[in-house]
Amino acid sequence: MKLNLRDLALRFVFGGGTVAACYIMLQIIPSKSFAGVFAAFPAVMAAAVIMAGHFGTSEQASDIALGASSGMIGCTICVLTVVFCMEHLNRWGLSIIIALLIWFFSSYSITRLINGLLGRIKEKRQQKTDY
């Protein structure tokens, strides 16, 4: 996908607008723990998928969405790791470093796993159509 100024400007508008809307929701909703759901809204993912679909192909947009989904699952693992490490190590800096490493490797592993499963599904589908 070719990167240009128009692409960057649209990403900024879509991503920035979504982040701003999430911030407004954080201010409006009285329950801050529920409002945190909006803070985790995948604003950057939405902008990236829109731009990939618009300037690229649906397959590129699908790949970005898959990566974002894997990253979000990894983010859940990251949060659980921080909580665990904070309770047992009682060192917030080290806990965050460990959790970010866990996030990266778990997200990567999940992406590989999903791609493998999708590859098998495509192969089975292809085998059925070959007969």
N, C-alpha and C. Protein backbone atom coordinates (compact mmCIF):
# COMPACT_ATOMS: atom_id res chain seq x y z
N MET A 1 0.85 -1.17 0.00
CA MET A 1 0.00 0.00 0.00
C MET A 1 0.90 1.24 0.00
N LYS A 2 0.66 2.12 -0.93
CA LYS A 2 1.47 3.33 -1.07
C LYS A 2 1.00 4.38 -0.05
N LEU A 3 1.96 4.99 0.65
CA LEU A 3 1.65 5.98 1.67
C LEU A 3 1.78 7.37 1.08
N ASN A 4 0.74 8.21 1.31
CA ASN A 4 0.82 9.58 0.84
C ASN A 4 0.20 10.53 1.87
N LEU A 5 0.28 11.82 1.63
CA LEU A 5 -0.23 12.80 2.59
C LEU A 5 -1.73 12.71 2.77
N ARG A 6 -2.46 12.44 1.71
CA ARG A 6 -3.92 12.30 1.83
C ARG A 6 -4.27 11.13 2.74
N ASP A 7 -3.56 10.04 2.57
CA ASP A 7 -3.74 8.85 3.40
C ASP A 7 -3.48 9.19 4.88
N LEU A 8 -2.37 9.86 5.14
CA LEU A 8 -2.04 10.24 6.51
C LEU A 8 -3.08 11.19 7.11
N ALA A 9 -3.55 12.14 6.32
CA ALA A 9 -4.55 13.07 6.81
C ALA A 9 -5.86 12.36 7.15
N LEU A 10 -6.27 11.43 6.29
CA LEU A 10 -7.50 10.69 6.58
C LEU A 10 -7.35 9.81 7.82
N ARG A 11 -6.19 9.19 7.98
CA ARG A 11 -5.93 8.40 9.19
C ARG A 11 -6.03 9.29 10.43
N PHE A 12 -5.45 10.47 10.34
CA PHE A 12 -5.47 11.41 11.46
C PHE A 12 -6.90 11.80 11.80
N VAL A 13 -7.71 12.11 10.79
CA VAL A 13 -9.09 12.53 11.02
C VAL A 13 -9.92 11.38 11.62
N PHE A 14 -9.85 10.19 10.99
CA PHE A 14 -10.63 9.05 11.50
C PHE A 14 -10.15 8.62 12.88
N GLY A 15 -8.86 8.45 13.03
CA GLY A 15 -8.31 8.00 14.32
C GLY A 15 -8.50 9.05 15.41
N GLY A 16 -8.17 10.28 15.09
CA GLY A 16 -8.30 11.37 16.07
C GLY A 16 -9.75 11.62 16.46
N GLY A 17 -10.65 11.56 15.48
CA GLY A 17 -12.08 11.75 15.78
C GLY A 17 -12.62 10.66 16.68
N THR A 18 -12.19 9.44 16.44
CA THR A 18 -12.65 8.33 17.27
C THR A 18 -12.09 8.43 18.68
N VAL A 19 -10.82 8.79 18.80
CA VAL A 19 -10.22 8.95 20.12
C VAL A 19 -10.92 10.08 20.87
N ALA A 20 -11.22 11.18 20.19
CA ALA A 20 -11.93 12.29 20.82
C ALA A 20 -13.33 11.86 21.28
N ALA A 21 -14.03 11.09 20.46
CA ALA A 21 -15.36 10.60 20.85
C ALA A 21 -15.26 9.70 22.08
N CYS A 22 -14.24 8.87 22.14
CA CYS A 22 -14.03 8.01 23.32
C CYS A 22 -13.78 8.85 24.56
N TYR A 23 -12.99 9.90 24.43
CA TYR A 23 -12.71 10.77 25.57
C TYR A 23 -14.00 11.43 26.06
N ILE A 24 -14.84 11.85 25.13
CA ILE A 24 -16.12 12.46 25.53
C ILE A 24 -16.97 11.44 26.28
N MET A 25 -17.00 10.19 25.81
CA MET A 25 -17.75 9.14 26.51
C MET A 25 -17.20 8.92 27.91
N LEU A 26 -15.88 9.00 28.06
CA LEU A 26 -15.27 8.84 29.39
C LEU A 26 -15.74 9.93 30.35
N GLN A 27 -15.96 11.12 29.82
CA GLN A 27 -16.40 12.23 30.66
C GLN A 27 -17.89 12.15 30.99
N ILE A 28 -18.68 11.59 30.08
CA ILE A 28 -20.13 11.55 30.25
C ILE A 28 -20.58 10.41 31.15
N ILE A 29 -20.03 9.23 30.95
CA ILE A 29 -20.49 8.03 31.66
C ILE A 29 -20.03 8.09 33.12
N PRO A 30 -20.99 7.97 34.05
CA PRO A 30 -20.63 8.09 35.48
C PRO A 30 -19.74 6.96 36.00
N SER A 31 -19.97 5.75 35.54
CA SER A 31 -19.17 4.62 36.01
C SER A 31 -17.85 4.58 35.25
N LYS A 32 -16.77 4.96 35.92
CA LYS A 32 -15.47 5.05 35.24
C LYS A 32 -14.93 3.67 34.85
N SER A 33 -15.30 2.63 35.59
CA SER A 33 -14.83 1.31 35.20
C SER A 33 -15.48 0.87 33.89
N PHE A 34 -16.76 1.19 33.71
CA PHE A 34 -17.42 0.88 32.44
C PHE A 34 -16.91 1.81 31.34
N ALA A 35 -16.63 3.05 31.70
CA ALA A 35 -16.13 4.01 30.71
C ALA A 35 -14.78 3.59 30.16
N GLY A 36 -14.04 2.80 30.93
CA GLY A 36 -12.76 2.30 30.46
C GLY A 36 -12.88 1.44 29.22
N VAL A 37 -14.05 0.83 29.02
CA VAL A 37 -14.29 0.05 27.81
C VAL A 37 -14.12 0.95 26.59
N PHE A 38 -14.60 2.18 26.69
CA PHE A 38 -14.48 3.11 25.57
C PHE A 38 -13.03 3.58 25.40
N ALA A 39 -12.28 3.62 26.48
CA ALA A 39 -10.87 4.02 26.37
C ALA A 39 -10.08 2.98 25.58
N ALA A 40 -10.55 1.74 25.58
CA ALA A 40 -9.87 0.67 24.85
C ALA A 40 -10.41 0.51 23.43
N PHE A 41 -11.30 1.39 23.02
CA PHE A 41 -11.86 1.31 21.67
C PHE A 41 -10.75 1.34 20.63
N PRO A 42 -10.80 0.44 19.67
CA PRO A 42 -9.71 0.34 18.69
C PRO A 42 -9.76 1.43 17.63
N ALA A 43 -9.55 2.67 18.07
CA ALA A 43 -9.65 3.80 17.15
C ALA A 43 -8.65 3.70 16.00
N VAL A 44 -7.46 3.35 16.33
CA VAL A 44 -6.43 3.27 15.29
C VAL A 44 -6.74 2.13 14.33
N MET A 45 -7.27 1.02 14.87
CA MET A 45 -7.63 -0.11 14.02
C MET A 45 -8.71 0.29 13.02
N ALA A 46 -9.72 1.00 13.51
CA ALA A 46 -10.81 1.41 12.61
C ALA A 46 -10.27 2.26 11.46
N ALA A 47 -9.43 3.21 11.79
CA ALA A 47 -8.85 4.07 10.74
C ALA A 47 -7.98 3.26 9.79
N ALA A 48 -7.18 2.34 10.34
CA ALA A 48 -6.29 1.54 9.49
C ALA A 48 -7.07 0.63 8.55
N VAL A 49 -8.15 0.00 9.05
CA VAL A 49 -8.95 -0.89 8.21
C VAL A 49 -9.66 -0.09 7.12
N ILE A 50 -10.19 1.06 7.48
CA ILE A 50 -10.87 1.92 6.49
C ILE A 50 -9.90 2.33 5.38
N MET A 51 -8.70 2.76 5.80
CA MET A 51 -7.74 3.23 4.81
C MET A 51 -7.21 2.08 3.95
N ALA A 52 -6.98 0.93 4.57
CA ALA A 52 -6.50 -0.22 3.79
C ALA A 52 -7.54 -0.66 2.79
N GLY A 53 -8.80 -0.65 3.20
CA GLY A 53 -9.87 -1.02 2.28
C GLY A 53 -10.05 0.00 1.16
N HIS A 54 -9.91 1.27 1.51
CA HIS A 54 -10.11 2.33 0.52
C HIS A 54 -8.95 2.42 -0.48
N PHE A 55 -7.73 2.41 0.03
CA PHE A 55 -6.56 2.58 -0.84
C PHE A 55 -5.95 1.27 -1.29
N GLY A 56 -6.32 0.18 -0.62
CA GLY A 56 -5.75 -1.12 -0.96
C GLY A 56 -6.85 -2.07 -1.39
N THR A 57 -6.83 -3.24 -0.78
CA THR A 57 -7.81 -4.27 -1.11
C THR A 57 -8.53 -4.72 0.16
N SER A 58 -9.60 -5.46 -0.04
CA SER A 58 -10.32 -6.03 1.11
C SER A 58 -9.43 -7.03 1.84
N GLU A 59 -8.56 -7.71 1.11
CA GLU A 59 -7.65 -8.67 1.76
C GLU A 59 -6.67 -7.95 2.68
N GLN A 60 -6.18 -6.78 2.27
CA GLN A 60 -5.29 -6.01 3.13
C GLN A 60 -6.04 -5.52 4.37
N ALA A 61 -7.27 -5.06 4.19
CA ALA A 61 -8.08 -4.62 5.33
C ALA A 61 -8.35 -5.78 6.28
N SER A 62 -8.61 -6.96 5.71
CA SER A 62 -8.84 -8.16 6.52
C SER A 62 -7.59 -8.52 7.32
N ASP A 63 -6.43 -8.41 6.72
CA ASP A 63 -5.18 -8.71 7.42
C ASP A 63 -4.97 -7.75 8.60
N ILE A 64 -5.27 -6.49 8.38
CA ILE A 64 -5.12 -5.51 9.45
C ILE A 64 -6.11 -5.81 10.58
N ALA A 65 -7.34 -6.14 10.22
CA ALA A 65 -8.34 -6.48 11.24
C ALA A 65 -7.93 -7.72 12.03
N LEU A 66 -7.38 -8.71 11.34
CA LEU A 66 -6.90 -9.92 12.02
C LEU A 66 -5.78 -9.57 13.00
N GLY A 67 -4.84 -8.77 12.55
CA GLY A 67 -3.75 -8.36 13.44
C GLY A 67 -4.25 -7.58 14.64
N ALA A 68 -5.22 -6.71 14.41
CA ALA A 68 -5.78 -5.94 15.51
C ALA A 68 -6.51 -6.84 16.51
N SER A 69 -7.23 -7.83 16.00
CA SER A 69 -7.92 -8.77 16.89
C SER A 69 -6.92 -9.55 17.72
N SER A 70 -5.86 -9.98 17.09
CA SER A 70 -4.81 -10.70 17.82
C SER A 70 -4.17 -9.80 18.87
N GLY A 71 -3.95 -8.55 18.51
CA GLY A 71 -3.39 -7.58 19.45
C GLY A 71 -4.30 -7.32 20.63
N MET A 72 -5.62 -7.32 20.38
CA MET A 72 -6.57 -7.09 21.47
C MET A 72 -6.61 -8.28 22.43
N ILE A 73 -6.53 -9.48 21.89
CA ILE A 73 -6.46 -10.66 22.75
C ILE A 73 -5.15 -10.61 23.54
N GLY A 74 -4.07 -10.25 22.86
CA GLY A 74 -2.79 -10.08 23.54
C GLY A 74 -2.85 -9.00 24.61
N CYS A 75 -3.64 -7.96 24.36
CA CYS A 75 -3.80 -6.89 25.35
C CYS A 75 -4.47 -7.41 26.62
N THR A 76 -5.45 -8.29 26.45
CA THR A 76 -6.10 -8.89 27.61
C THR A 76 -5.08 -9.69 28.42
N ILE A 77 -4.26 -10.45 27.72
CA ILE A 77 -3.21 -11.23 28.39
C ILE A 77 -2.22 -10.28 29.07
N CYS A 78 -1.92 -9.17 28.44
CA CYS A 78 -1.01 -8.16 29.00
C CYS A 78 -1.56 -7.61 30.31
N VAL A 79 -2.83 -7.25 30.32
CA VAL A 79 -3.44 -6.69 31.54
C VAL A 79 -3.41 -7.71 32.67
N LEU A 80 -3.76 -8.95 32.36
CA LEU A 80 -3.73 -10.00 33.38
C LEU A 80 -2.31 -10.22 33.91
N THR A 81 -1.33 -10.10 33.01
CA THR A 81 0.07 -10.25 33.41
C THR A 81 0.50 -9.12 34.34
N VAL A 82 0.09 -7.89 34.02
CA VAL A 82 0.43 -6.75 34.89
C VAL A 82 -0.15 -6.96 36.28
N VAL A 83 -1.41 -7.35 36.33
CA VAL A 83 -2.06 -7.57 37.64
C VAL A 83 -1.31 -8.65 38.42
N PHE A 84 -1.02 -9.75 37.76
CA PHE A 84 -0.31 -10.86 38.42
C PHE A 84 1.07 -10.41 38.91
N CYS A 85 1.83 -9.74 38.02
CA CYS A 85 3.18 -9.32 38.38
C CYS A 85 3.17 -8.27 39.49
N MET A 86 2.23 -7.35 39.44
CA MET A 86 2.15 -6.32 40.49
C MET A 86 1.87 -6.95 41.85
N GLU A 87 1.03 -7.95 41.88
CA GLU A 87 0.72 -8.60 43.14
C GLU A 87 1.89 -9.42 43.66
N HIS A 88 2.68 -10.00 42.78
CA HIS A 88 3.74 -10.90 43.22
C HIS A 88 5.13 -10.25 43.24
N LEU A 89 5.38 -9.31 42.35
CA LEU A 89 6.70 -8.65 42.32
C LEU A 89 6.70 -7.32 43.07
N ASN A 90 5.52 -6.68 43.10
CA ASN A 90 5.35 -5.38 43.75
C ASN A 90 6.31 -4.32 43.17
N ARG A 91 6.57 -4.43 41.87
CA ARG A 91 7.42 -3.46 41.16
C ARG A 91 6.71 -3.11 39.86
N TRP A 92 6.10 -1.93 39.81
CA TRP A 92 5.26 -1.58 38.67
C TRP A 92 6.04 -1.47 37.37
N GLY A 93 7.24 -0.91 37.38
CA GLY A 93 8.03 -0.75 36.16
C GLY A 93 8.39 -2.09 35.53
N LEU A 94 8.89 -2.99 36.35
CA LEU A 94 9.24 -4.32 35.87
C LEU A 94 8.00 -5.07 35.40
N SER A 95 6.90 -4.89 36.13
CA SER A 95 5.64 -5.55 35.76
C SER A 95 5.18 -5.11 34.37
N ILE A 96 5.30 -3.83 34.07
CA ILE A 96 4.88 -3.31 32.77
C ILE A 96 5.79 -3.83 31.66
N ILE A 97 7.08 -3.87 31.91
CA ILE A 97 8.02 -4.38 30.91
C ILE A 97 7.73 -5.84 30.60
N ILE A 98 7.55 -6.64 31.65
CA ILE A 98 7.23 -8.06 31.45
C ILE A 98 5.93 -8.21 30.68
N ALA A 99 4.91 -7.43 31.07
CA ALA A 99 3.60 -7.53 30.43
C ALA A 99 3.65 -7.13 28.96
N LEU A 100 4.43 -6.10 28.63
CA LEU A 100 4.54 -5.69 27.23
C LEU A 100 5.23 -6.76 26.39
N LEU A 101 6.23 -7.40 26.96
CA LEU A 101 6.88 -8.51 26.25
C LEU A 101 5.89 -9.66 26.05
N ILE A 102 5.12 -9.96 27.08
CA ILE A 102 4.10 -11.01 26.99
C ILE A 102 3.06 -10.63 25.93
N TRP A 103 2.67 -9.34 25.90
CA TRP A 103 1.69 -8.88 24.91
C TRP A 103 2.22 -9.13 23.50
N PHE A 104 3.47 -8.74 23.25
CA PHE A 104 4.02 -8.88 21.91
C PHE A 104 4.05 -10.34 21.48
N PHE A 105 4.60 -11.20 22.32
CA PHE A 105 4.75 -12.60 21.94
C PHE A 105 3.40 -13.33 21.88
N SER A 106 2.48 -12.99 22.78
CA SER A 106 1.17 -13.64 22.71
C SER A 106 0.39 -13.16 21.48
N SER A 107 0.48 -11.88 21.16
CA SER A 107 -0.20 -11.36 19.96
C SER A 107 0.36 -12.01 18.70
N TYR A 108 1.67 -12.12 18.63
CA TYR A 108 2.32 -12.76 17.49
C TYR A 108 1.88 -14.23 17.38
N SER A 109 1.88 -14.92 18.51
CA SER A 109 1.49 -16.34 18.51
C SER A 109 0.03 -16.52 18.10
N ILE A 110 -0.83 -15.65 18.57
CA ILE A 110 -2.24 -15.73 18.22
C ILE A 110 -2.44 -15.46 16.73
N THR A 111 -1.71 -14.50 16.19
CA THR A 111 -1.78 -14.22 14.75
C THR A 111 -1.37 -15.43 13.95
N ARG A 112 -0.28 -16.06 14.34
CA ARG A 112 0.20 -17.26 13.64
C ARG A 112 -0.83 -18.39 13.74
N LEU A 113 -1.40 -18.57 14.92
CA LEU A 113 -2.40 -19.61 15.14
C LEU A 113 -3.62 -19.39 14.25
N ILE A 114 -4.14 -18.17 14.24
CA ILE A 114 -5.33 -17.87 13.43
C ILE A 114 -5.02 -18.03 11.95
N ASN A 115 -3.86 -17.54 11.51
CA ASN A 115 -3.49 -17.70 10.10
C ASN A 115 -3.38 -19.18 9.73
N GLY A 116 -2.83 -19.99 10.63
CA GLY A 116 -2.75 -21.43 10.38
C GLY A 116 -4.12 -22.07 10.26
N LEU A 117 -5.01 -21.70 11.17
CA LEU A 117 -6.37 -22.24 11.11
C LEU A 117 -7.10 -21.81 9.84
N LEU A 118 -6.94 -20.53 9.48
CA LEU A 118 -7.58 -20.05 8.26
C LEU A 118 -7.00 -20.74 7.03
N GLY A 119 -5.70 -21.00 7.05
CA GLY A 119 -5.06 -21.72 5.94
C GLY A 119 -5.63 -23.12 5.78
N ARG A 120 -5.84 -23.80 6.90
CA ARG A 120 -6.42 -25.15 6.85
C ARG A 120 -7.85 -25.11 6.32
N ILE A 121 -8.60 -24.12 6.75
CA ILE A 121 -9.99 -24.00 6.27
C ILE A 121 -10.00 -23.76 4.77
N LYS A 122 -9.11 -22.89 4.28
CA LYS A 122 -9.04 -22.63 2.84
C LYS A 122 -8.64 -23.87 2.07
N GLU A 123 -7.70 -24.65 2.62
CA GLU A 123 -7.28 -25.88 1.95
C GLU A 123 -8.43 -26.88 1.86
N LYS A 124 -9.18 -27.04 2.94
CA LYS A 124 -10.33 -27.96 2.94
C LYS A 124 -11.38 -27.49 1.94
N ARG A 125 -11.62 -26.19 1.91
CA ARG A 125 -12.59 -25.64 0.98
C ARG A 125 -12.14 -25.86 -0.45
N GLN A 126 -10.84 -25.69 -0.70
CA GLN A 126 -10.29 -25.90 -2.02
C GLN A 126 -10.39 -27.37 -2.43
N GLN A 127 -10.14 -28.28 -1.50
CA GLN A 127 -10.25 -29.70 -1.78
C GLN A 127 -11.67 -30.10 -2.16
N LYS A 128 -12.65 -29.49 -1.49
CA LYS A 128 -14.05 -29.79 -1.79
C LYS A 128 -14.45 -29.31 -3.19
N THR A 129 -13.89 -28.16 -3.59
CA THR A 129 -14.23 -27.63 -4.90
C THR A 129 -13.49 -28.33 -6.03
N ASP A 130 -12.39 -29.01 -5.71
CA ASP A 130 -11.62 -29.75 -6.73
C ASP A 130 -12.32 -31.02 -7.18
N TYR A 131 -13.22 -31.55 -6.39
CA TYR A 131 -13.88 -32.81 -6.75
C TYR A 131 -14.99 -32.61 -7.72
